[in-house]
Amino acid sequence: MAKRGQKHKTIHLVAAIIFGTVTIVHLLRLGYRVPVSFGNWEVPFWLSWIAVFLLGYLTVVMWQSAKT
């Protein structure tokens, strides 16, 4: 059973790294005011703020879960 617990910790650590990386990318987008568009739709900057808070929260939760 200890092996399974270690597997979950590893998965949570990887998830924290991915969430953290995407959070940083959104922060860079906001800082440098980089426009992003899909087809004719331009992604508003407020959507990146939501992503920063949501993904930042998930990063912290996953990181804490991986360390306990």
N, C-alpha and C. Protein backbone atom coordinates (compact mmCIF):
# COMPACT_ATOMS: atom_id res chain seq x y z
N MET A 1 0.81 -1.20 0.00
CA MET A 1 0.00 0.00 0.00
C MET A 1 0.86 1.27 0.00
N ALA A 2 2.02 1.20 0.58
CA ALA A 2 2.90 2.36 0.60
C ALA A 2 3.29 2.77 -0.81
N LYS A 3 3.39 1.80 -1.70
CA LYS A 3 3.75 2.10 -3.07
C LYS A 3 2.67 2.93 -3.76
N ARG A 4 1.41 2.62 -3.47
CA ARG A 4 0.31 3.36 -4.06
C ARG A 4 0.29 4.81 -3.56
N GLY A 5 0.55 5.01 -2.28
CA GLY A 5 0.61 6.36 -1.73
C GLY A 5 1.70 7.18 -2.37
N GLN A 6 2.84 6.57 -2.61
CA GLN A 6 3.95 7.26 -3.26
C GLN A 6 3.58 7.63 -4.70
N LYS A 7 2.82 6.76 -5.35
CA LYS A 7 2.39 7.02 -6.73
C LYS A 7 1.49 8.25 -6.77
N HIS A 8 0.58 8.36 -5.81
CA HIS A 8 -0.31 9.52 -5.75
C HIS A 8 0.47 10.80 -5.48
N LYS A 9 1.46 10.73 -4.62
CA LYS A 9 2.29 11.90 -4.34
C LYS A 9 3.02 12.37 -5.60
N THR A 10 3.51 11.42 -6.36
CA THR A 10 4.21 11.75 -7.60
C THR A 10 3.26 12.40 -8.60
N ILE A 11 2.06 11.86 -8.72
CA ILE A 11 1.07 12.42 -9.63
C ILE A 11 0.70 13.84 -9.20
N HIS A 12 0.54 14.06 -7.91
CA HIS A 12 0.20 15.39 -7.41
C HIS A 12 1.34 16.38 -7.64
N LEU A 13 2.56 15.92 -7.49
CA LEU A 13 3.71 16.78 -7.74
C LEU A 13 3.77 17.19 -9.21
N VAL A 14 3.57 16.23 -10.10
CA VAL A 14 3.57 16.53 -11.54
C VAL A 14 2.44 17.50 -11.88
N ALA A 15 1.26 17.28 -11.30
CA ALA A 15 0.13 18.19 -11.54
C ALA A 15 0.45 19.59 -11.03
N ALA A 16 1.08 19.70 -9.87
CA ALA A 16 1.45 21.00 -9.33
C ALA A 16 2.42 21.73 -10.25
N ILE A 17 3.36 21.00 -10.81
CA ILE A 17 4.34 21.61 -11.73
C ILE A 17 3.64 22.10 -13.00
N ILE A 18 2.73 21.30 -13.53
CA ILE A 18 2.00 21.70 -14.74
C ILE A 18 1.12 22.92 -14.45
N PHE A 19 0.34 22.87 -13.37
CA PHE A 19 -0.51 24.00 -13.02
C PHE A 19 0.32 25.26 -12.79
N GLY A 20 1.44 25.11 -12.11
CA GLY A 20 2.31 26.25 -11.84
C GLY A 20 2.87 26.86 -13.11
N THR A 21 3.25 26.01 -14.05
CA THR A 21 3.79 26.49 -15.32
C THR A 21 2.74 27.27 -16.10
N VAL A 22 1.53 26.74 -16.15
CA VAL A 22 0.46 27.43 -16.87
C VAL A 22 0.10 28.75 -16.17
N THR A 23 0.16 28.76 -14.85
CA THR A 23 -0.08 30.00 -14.11
C THR A 23 0.95 31.06 -14.49
N ILE A 24 2.20 30.68 -14.56
CA ILE A 24 3.27 31.61 -14.94
C ILE A 24 3.07 32.12 -16.36
N VAL A 25 2.65 31.25 -17.27
CA VAL A 25 2.40 31.67 -18.65
C VAL A 25 1.28 32.72 -18.70
N HIS A 26 0.22 32.51 -17.92
CA HIS A 26 -0.86 33.50 -17.88
C HIS A 26 -0.37 34.81 -17.27
N LEU A 27 0.44 34.74 -16.24
CA LEU A 27 0.99 35.96 -15.65
C LEU A 27 1.86 36.72 -16.64
N LEU A 28 2.65 35.99 -17.42
CA LEU A 28 3.47 36.63 -18.45
C LEU A 28 2.61 37.27 -19.52
N ARG A 29 1.54 36.58 -19.90
CA ARG A 29 0.61 37.16 -20.87
C ARG A 29 0.03 38.48 -20.36
N LEU A 30 -0.35 38.48 -19.09
CA LEU A 30 -0.91 39.70 -18.50
C LEU A 30 0.14 40.80 -18.39
N GLY A 31 1.35 40.42 -17.99
CA GLY A 31 2.41 41.41 -17.81
C GLY A 31 2.86 42.05 -19.10
N TYR A 32 2.96 41.26 -20.15
CA TYR A 32 3.41 41.77 -21.44
C TYR A 32 2.27 42.16 -22.37
N ARG A 33 1.03 42.00 -21.88
CA ARG A 33 -0.18 42.36 -22.65
C ARG A 33 -0.20 41.70 -24.03
N VAL A 34 0.04 40.40 -24.05
CA VAL A 34 0.08 39.64 -25.30
C VAL A 34 -1.35 39.26 -25.70
N PRO A 35 -1.78 39.67 -26.88
CA PRO A 35 -3.12 39.29 -27.32
C PRO A 35 -3.14 37.83 -27.77
N VAL A 36 -4.23 37.15 -27.45
CA VAL A 36 -4.42 35.76 -27.86
C VAL A 36 -5.78 35.67 -28.53
N SER A 37 -5.83 34.99 -29.67
CA SER A 37 -7.12 34.85 -30.34
C SER A 37 -7.27 33.44 -30.90
N PHE A 38 -8.51 33.02 -30.94
CA PHE A 38 -8.88 31.74 -31.55
C PHE A 38 -9.87 32.06 -32.67
N GLY A 39 -9.40 31.93 -33.90
CA GLY A 39 -10.25 32.33 -35.02
C GLY A 39 -10.49 33.82 -34.96
N ASN A 40 -11.76 34.21 -34.90
CA ASN A 40 -12.11 35.64 -34.83
C ASN A 40 -12.30 36.13 -33.40
N TRP A 41 -12.20 35.23 -32.43
CA TRP A 41 -12.45 35.59 -31.04
C TRP A 41 -11.15 35.91 -30.32
N GLU A 42 -11.06 37.12 -29.77
CA GLU A 42 -9.88 37.49 -28.99
C GLU A 42 -10.16 37.21 -27.52
N VAL A 43 -9.26 36.46 -26.89
CA VAL A 43 -9.43 36.07 -25.49
C VAL A 43 -9.22 37.31 -24.62
N PRO A 44 -10.22 37.65 -23.78
CA PRO A 44 -10.08 38.83 -22.93
C PRO A 44 -9.07 38.60 -21.81
N PHE A 45 -8.47 39.69 -21.36
CA PHE A 45 -7.46 39.59 -20.31
C PHE A 45 -8.06 39.16 -18.98
N TRP A 46 -9.32 39.50 -18.73
CA TRP A 46 -9.94 39.11 -17.46
C TRP A 46 -10.01 37.59 -17.34
N LEU A 47 -10.07 36.89 -18.46
CA LEU A 47 -10.10 35.43 -18.42
C LEU A 47 -8.76 34.88 -17.92
N SER A 48 -7.68 35.55 -18.24
CA SER A 48 -6.38 35.14 -17.73
C SER A 48 -6.27 35.38 -16.23
N TRP A 49 -6.91 36.46 -15.74
CA TRP A 49 -6.91 36.69 -14.29
C TRP A 49 -7.62 35.56 -13.56
N ILE A 50 -8.74 35.12 -14.10
CA ILE A 50 -9.46 34.00 -13.50
C ILE A 50 -8.58 32.75 -13.52
N ALA A 51 -7.91 32.51 -14.64
CA ALA A 51 -7.02 31.35 -14.75
C ALA A 51 -5.88 31.42 -13.74
N VAL A 52 -5.33 32.62 -13.53
CA VAL A 52 -4.23 32.78 -12.58
C VAL A 52 -4.68 32.38 -11.17
N PHE A 53 -5.84 32.87 -10.75
CA PHE A 53 -6.32 32.56 -9.41
C PHE A 53 -6.70 31.09 -9.26
N LEU A 54 -7.39 30.55 -10.24
CA LEU A 54 -7.82 29.15 -10.18
C LEU A 54 -6.62 28.21 -10.24
N LEU A 55 -5.74 28.40 -11.21
CA LEU A 55 -4.58 27.53 -11.34
C LEU A 55 -3.58 27.72 -10.22
N GLY A 56 -3.47 28.95 -9.72
CA GLY A 56 -2.59 29.18 -8.57
C GLY A 56 -3.08 28.42 -7.35
N TYR A 57 -4.39 28.44 -7.13
CA TYR A 57 -4.97 27.68 -6.03
C TYR A 57 -4.71 26.18 -6.20
N LEU A 58 -4.95 25.68 -7.41
CA LEU A 58 -4.71 24.25 -7.66
C LEU A 58 -3.24 23.88 -7.50
N THR A 59 -2.35 24.78 -7.86
CA THR A 59 -0.92 24.54 -7.68
C THR A 59 -0.59 24.36 -6.21
N VAL A 60 -1.09 25.25 -5.38
CA VAL A 60 -0.82 25.18 -3.94
C VAL A 60 -1.41 23.90 -3.34
N VAL A 61 -2.64 23.58 -3.71
CA VAL A 61 -3.29 22.38 -3.15
C VAL A 61 -2.54 21.11 -3.56
N MET A 62 -2.17 21.01 -4.81
CA MET A 62 -1.45 19.82 -5.28
C MET A 62 -0.06 19.73 -4.65
N TRP A 63 0.61 20.87 -4.52
CA TRP A 63 1.95 20.89 -3.92
C TRP A 63 1.88 20.43 -2.46
N GLN A 64 0.91 20.94 -1.71
CA GLN A 64 0.75 20.54 -0.33
C GLN A 64 0.42 19.05 -0.21
N SER A 65 -0.42 18.58 -1.13
CA SER A 65 -0.79 17.17 -1.12
C SER A 65 0.41 16.28 -1.43
N ALA A 66 1.28 16.74 -2.29
CA ALA A 66 2.45 15.96 -2.66
C ALA A 66 3.47 15.92 -1.53
N LYS A 67 3.49 16.93 -0.69
CA LYS A 67 4.49 17.02 0.37
C LYS A 67 4.06 16.37 1.68
N THR A 68 2.78 16.06 1.83
CA THR A 68 2.33 15.44 3.10
C THR A 68 2.31 13.95 3.01
